[in-house]
Amino acid sequence: MGNEYIELNLKRILDTELNIKPYPFIEECMVNVGKVREGTIYDLYNGKSKRIHLDTLAKIIKTLNIIADRQGKNLNYNVEDLLNYKEK
């Protein structure tokens, strides 16, 4: 017990799958789904987040899907894409 953790995948998704940096992603969130705190995105991106509100998670996922669709990528992001349960 105590060796469990949640792996955060926002950096991998933004950098390798969607090729977008955090600040433009934050701007996309604001345009498409409303305010998401910059610090929240940067914490998730850098793997430092300790918690996230479900409504924020939903906004992030919706924005990822909007960007993927705009780029013509056949991707449909969900919670499992952003958060993975791991055991050491």
N, C-alpha and C. Protein backbone atom coordinates (compact mmCIF):
# COMPACT_ATOMS: atom_id res chain seq x y z
N MET A 1 0.84 -1.18 0.00
CA MET A 1 0.00 0.00 0.00
C MET A 1 0.88 1.24 0.00
N GLY A 2 0.45 2.28 -0.66
CA GLY A 2 1.21 3.52 -0.70
C GLY A 2 2.11 3.65 -1.92
N ASN A 3 2.10 2.65 -2.79
CA ASN A 3 2.91 2.71 -4.00
C ASN A 3 2.08 3.06 -5.22
N GLU A 4 0.85 3.46 -5.01
CA GLU A 4 -0.05 3.80 -6.10
C GLU A 4 0.10 5.27 -6.46
N TYR A 5 -0.08 5.59 -7.72
CA TYR A 5 -0.07 6.98 -8.15
C TYR A 5 -0.86 7.13 -9.45
N ILE A 6 -1.17 8.35 -9.77
CA ILE A 6 -1.87 8.67 -11.01
C ILE A 6 -0.86 9.32 -11.96
N GLU A 7 -0.72 8.75 -13.13
CA GLU A 7 0.16 9.30 -14.16
C GLU A 7 -0.64 10.32 -14.98
N LEU A 8 -0.07 11.50 -15.15
CA LEU A 8 -0.72 12.58 -15.89
C LEU A 8 -0.15 12.61 -17.31
N ASN A 9 -1.01 12.64 -18.31
CA ASN A 9 -0.57 12.52 -19.71
C ASN A 9 -0.81 13.76 -20.56
N LEU A 10 -1.13 14.89 -19.96
CA LEU A 10 -1.42 16.07 -20.77
C LEU A 10 -0.20 16.50 -21.59
N LYS A 11 0.99 16.44 -21.01
CA LYS A 11 2.21 16.84 -21.72
C LYS A 11 2.40 15.98 -22.97
N ARG A 12 2.28 14.67 -22.82
CA ARG A 12 2.45 13.78 -23.97
C ARG A 12 1.43 14.07 -25.07
N ILE A 13 0.18 14.28 -24.66
CA ILE A 13 -0.88 14.54 -25.63
C ILE A 13 -0.61 15.85 -26.38
N LEU A 14 -0.33 16.91 -25.62
CA LEU A 14 -0.11 18.21 -26.27
C LEU A 14 1.15 18.20 -27.13
N ASP A 15 2.24 17.64 -26.61
CA ASP A 15 3.52 17.69 -27.32
C ASP A 15 3.59 16.75 -28.52
N THR A 16 3.12 15.52 -28.36
CA THR A 16 3.34 14.53 -29.41
C THR A 16 2.13 14.25 -30.29
N GLU A 17 0.94 14.35 -29.74
CA GLU A 17 -0.25 14.02 -30.53
C GLU A 17 -0.88 15.25 -31.20
N LEU A 18 -0.92 16.36 -30.48
CA LEU A 18 -1.59 17.55 -31.02
C LEU A 18 -0.62 18.67 -31.39
N ASN A 19 0.64 18.54 -30.96
CA ASN A 19 1.67 19.53 -31.30
C ASN A 19 1.23 20.96 -30.96
N ILE A 20 0.83 21.15 -29.72
CA ILE A 20 0.41 22.47 -29.26
C ILE A 20 1.02 22.70 -27.87
N LYS A 21 1.48 23.89 -27.63
CA LYS A 21 2.09 24.25 -26.34
C LYS A 21 1.00 24.59 -25.33
N PRO A 22 1.35 24.61 -24.04
CA PRO A 22 0.33 24.85 -23.00
C PRO A 22 -0.41 26.19 -23.13
N TYR A 23 0.30 27.29 -23.41
CA TYR A 23 -0.40 28.57 -23.43
C TYR A 23 -1.43 28.65 -24.55
N PRO A 24 -1.09 28.26 -25.80
CA PRO A 24 -2.15 28.24 -26.83
C PRO A 24 -3.30 27.29 -26.47
N PHE A 25 -2.98 26.22 -25.76
CA PHE A 25 -4.05 25.31 -25.31
C PHE A 25 -4.98 26.01 -24.32
N ILE A 26 -4.40 26.77 -23.41
CA ILE A 26 -5.19 27.54 -22.44
C ILE A 26 -6.10 28.52 -23.18
N GLU A 27 -5.57 29.19 -24.19
CA GLU A 27 -6.38 30.12 -24.98
C GLU A 27 -7.52 29.39 -25.67
N GLU A 28 -7.24 28.20 -26.21
CA GLU A 28 -8.29 27.38 -26.85
C GLU A 28 -9.38 27.02 -25.84
N CYS A 29 -8.98 26.68 -24.63
CA CYS A 29 -9.97 26.37 -23.58
C CYS A 29 -10.88 27.56 -23.34
N MET A 30 -10.29 28.74 -23.21
CA MET A 30 -11.08 29.94 -22.92
C MET A 30 -12.05 30.26 -24.05
N VAL A 31 -11.62 30.07 -25.28
CA VAL A 31 -12.47 30.37 -26.43
C VAL A 31 -13.60 29.34 -26.56
N ASN A 32 -13.28 28.07 -26.33
CA ASN A 32 -14.23 27.00 -26.62
C ASN A 32 -15.10 26.55 -25.45
N VAL A 33 -14.58 26.59 -24.23
CA VAL A 33 -15.35 26.03 -23.11
C VAL A 33 -15.40 26.92 -21.88
N GLY A 34 -14.71 28.01 -21.88
CA GLY A 34 -14.72 28.91 -20.73
C GLY A 34 -13.42 28.87 -19.96
N LYS A 35 -13.38 29.60 -18.90
CA LYS A 35 -12.14 29.79 -18.14
C LYS A 35 -11.64 28.50 -17.50
N VAL A 36 -10.35 28.26 -17.73
CA VAL A 36 -9.61 27.21 -17.03
C VAL A 36 -8.36 27.90 -16.50
N ARG A 37 -8.10 27.74 -15.21
CA ARG A 37 -6.98 28.42 -14.59
C ARG A 37 -5.66 28.00 -15.23
N GLU A 38 -4.84 28.98 -15.61
CA GLU A 38 -3.55 28.70 -16.24
C GLU A 38 -2.70 27.77 -15.39
N GLY A 39 -2.66 28.04 -14.09
CA GLY A 39 -1.86 27.22 -13.19
C GLY A 39 -2.28 25.76 -13.19
N THR A 40 -3.57 25.51 -13.36
CA THR A 40 -4.07 24.13 -13.41
C THR A 40 -3.51 23.42 -14.63
N ILE A 41 -3.55 24.09 -15.78
CA ILE A 41 -3.03 23.48 -17.01
C ILE A 41 -1.53 23.23 -16.89
N TYR A 42 -0.80 24.23 -16.41
CA TYR A 42 0.65 24.06 -16.26
C TYR A 42 0.99 22.97 -15.26
N ASP A 43 0.25 22.86 -14.16
CA ASP A 43 0.49 21.79 -13.19
C ASP A 43 0.23 20.42 -13.80
N LEU A 44 -0.86 20.29 -14.55
CA LEU A 44 -1.14 19.02 -15.22
C LEU A 44 -0.07 18.71 -16.27
N TYR A 45 0.32 19.71 -17.01
CA TYR A 45 1.32 19.55 -18.07
C TYR A 45 2.66 19.10 -17.48
N ASN A 46 3.03 19.66 -16.34
CA ASN A 46 4.31 19.35 -15.72
C ASN A 46 4.25 18.19 -14.72
N GLY A 47 3.10 17.56 -14.62
CA GLY A 47 2.96 16.41 -13.73
C GLY A 47 2.97 16.75 -12.26
N LYS A 48 2.58 17.97 -11.91
CA LYS A 48 2.64 18.43 -10.52
C LYS A 48 1.27 18.54 -9.86
N SER A 49 0.22 18.28 -10.59
CA SER A 49 -1.12 18.45 -10.05
C SER A 49 -1.43 17.40 -8.99
N LYS A 50 -2.04 17.84 -7.90
CA LYS A 50 -2.44 16.94 -6.81
C LYS A 50 -3.93 16.61 -6.88
N ARG A 51 -4.70 17.49 -7.51
CA ARG A 51 -6.14 17.28 -7.64
C ARG A 51 -6.65 18.11 -8.81
N ILE A 52 -7.83 17.72 -9.29
CA ILE A 52 -8.46 18.46 -10.38
C ILE A 52 -9.97 18.36 -10.21
N HIS A 53 -10.64 19.46 -10.44
CA HIS A 53 -12.10 19.48 -10.38
C HIS A 53 -12.65 18.77 -11.62
N LEU A 54 -13.73 18.05 -11.45
CA LEU A 54 -14.29 17.29 -12.57
C LEU A 54 -14.75 18.19 -13.70
N ASP A 55 -15.29 19.37 -13.38
CA ASP A 55 -15.72 20.27 -14.46
C ASP A 55 -14.51 20.78 -15.25
N THR A 56 -13.38 20.97 -14.59
CA THR A 56 -12.16 21.38 -15.29
C THR A 56 -11.66 20.25 -16.17
N LEU A 57 -11.70 19.04 -15.67
CA LEU A 57 -11.30 17.88 -16.46
C LEU A 57 -12.16 17.76 -17.71
N ALA A 58 -13.45 17.98 -17.57
CA ALA A 58 -14.36 17.92 -18.71
C ALA A 58 -14.04 19.00 -19.73
N LYS A 59 -13.70 20.21 -19.28
CA LYS A 59 -13.34 21.29 -20.19
C LYS A 59 -12.06 20.96 -20.95
N ILE A 60 -11.09 20.38 -20.25
CA ILE A 60 -9.83 20.01 -20.90
C ILE A 60 -10.07 18.95 -21.96
N ILE A 61 -10.84 17.95 -21.63
CA ILE A 61 -11.12 16.87 -22.59
C ILE A 61 -11.88 17.41 -23.80
N LYS A 62 -12.87 18.25 -23.57
CA LYS A 62 -13.62 18.82 -24.69
C LYS A 62 -12.70 19.63 -25.59
N THR A 63 -11.80 20.42 -25.00
CA THR A 63 -10.88 21.23 -25.79
C THR A 63 -9.92 20.34 -26.57
N LEU A 64 -9.41 19.28 -25.96
CA LEU A 64 -8.54 18.35 -26.69
C LEU A 64 -9.25 17.78 -27.91
N ASN A 65 -10.52 17.42 -27.74
CA ASN A 65 -11.29 16.85 -28.85
C ASN A 65 -11.57 17.88 -29.94
N ILE A 66 -11.81 19.12 -29.55
CA ILE A 66 -12.03 20.19 -30.54
C ILE A 66 -10.77 20.39 -31.36
N ILE A 67 -9.62 20.44 -30.71
CA ILE A 67 -8.35 20.64 -31.41
C ILE A 67 -8.05 19.46 -32.33
N ALA A 68 -8.23 18.24 -31.82
CA ALA A 68 -7.99 17.04 -32.64
C ALA A 68 -8.88 17.04 -33.87
N ASP A 69 -10.14 17.39 -33.69
CA ASP A 69 -11.07 17.45 -34.82
C ASP A 69 -10.65 18.50 -35.83
N ARG A 70 -10.26 19.67 -35.35
CA ARG A 70 -9.82 20.75 -36.23
C ARG A 70 -8.58 20.35 -37.03
N GLN A 71 -7.71 19.56 -36.41
CA GLN A 71 -6.49 19.09 -37.08
C GLN A 71 -6.76 17.89 -37.99
N GLY A 72 -8.00 17.43 -38.02
CA GLY A 72 -8.35 16.31 -38.89
C GLY A 72 -7.86 14.97 -38.37
N LYS A 73 -7.62 14.89 -37.07
CA LYS A 73 -7.13 13.65 -36.47
C LYS A 73 -8.31 12.84 -35.96
N ASN A 74 -8.26 11.57 -36.19
CA ASN A 74 -9.32 10.67 -35.75
C ASN A 74 -9.07 10.24 -34.31
N LEU A 75 -9.14 11.20 -33.40
CA LEU A 75 -8.89 10.95 -31.98
C LEU A 75 -10.09 11.41 -31.17
N ASN A 76 -10.43 10.65 -30.16
CA ASN A 76 -11.52 11.01 -29.26
C ASN A 76 -11.02 10.81 -27.83
N TYR A 77 -10.58 11.89 -27.21
CA TYR A 77 -9.99 11.81 -25.88
C TYR A 77 -11.05 11.60 -24.81
N ASN A 78 -10.62 10.91 -23.74
CA ASN A 78 -11.48 10.64 -22.61
C ASN A 78 -10.62 10.69 -21.34
N VAL A 79 -11.22 10.50 -20.20
CA VAL A 79 -10.51 10.57 -18.92
C VAL A 79 -9.30 9.63 -18.92
N GLU A 80 -9.47 8.42 -19.44
CA GLU A 80 -8.39 7.43 -19.42
C GLU A 80 -7.16 7.89 -20.20
N ASP A 81 -7.35 8.78 -21.15
CA ASP A 81 -6.22 9.29 -21.92
C ASP A 81 -5.38 10.27 -21.11
N LEU A 82 -6.02 10.98 -20.20
CA LEU A 82 -5.33 11.98 -19.38
C LEU A 82 -4.77 11.42 -18.08
N LEU A 83 -5.46 10.48 -17.49
CA LEU A 83 -5.10 9.97 -16.17
C LEU A 83 -4.97 8.45 -16.20
N ASN A 84 -3.84 7.94 -15.75
CA ASN A 84 -3.64 6.48 -15.66
C ASN A 84 -3.28 6.10 -14.23
N TYR A 85 -3.95 5.10 -13.72
CA TYR A 85 -3.62 4.55 -12.39
C TYR A 85 -2.42 3.64 -12.54
N LYS A 86 -1.40 3.82 -11.69
CA LYS A 86 -0.18 3.02 -11.74
C LYS A 86 0.17 2.52 -10.35
N GLU A 87 0.87 1.41 -10.31
CA GLU A 87 1.45 0.89 -9.08
C GLU A 87 2.94 0.75 -9.30
N LYS A 88 3.74 1.17 -8.31
CA LYS A 88 5.19 1.06 -8.43
C LYS A 88 5.64 -0.36 -8.19
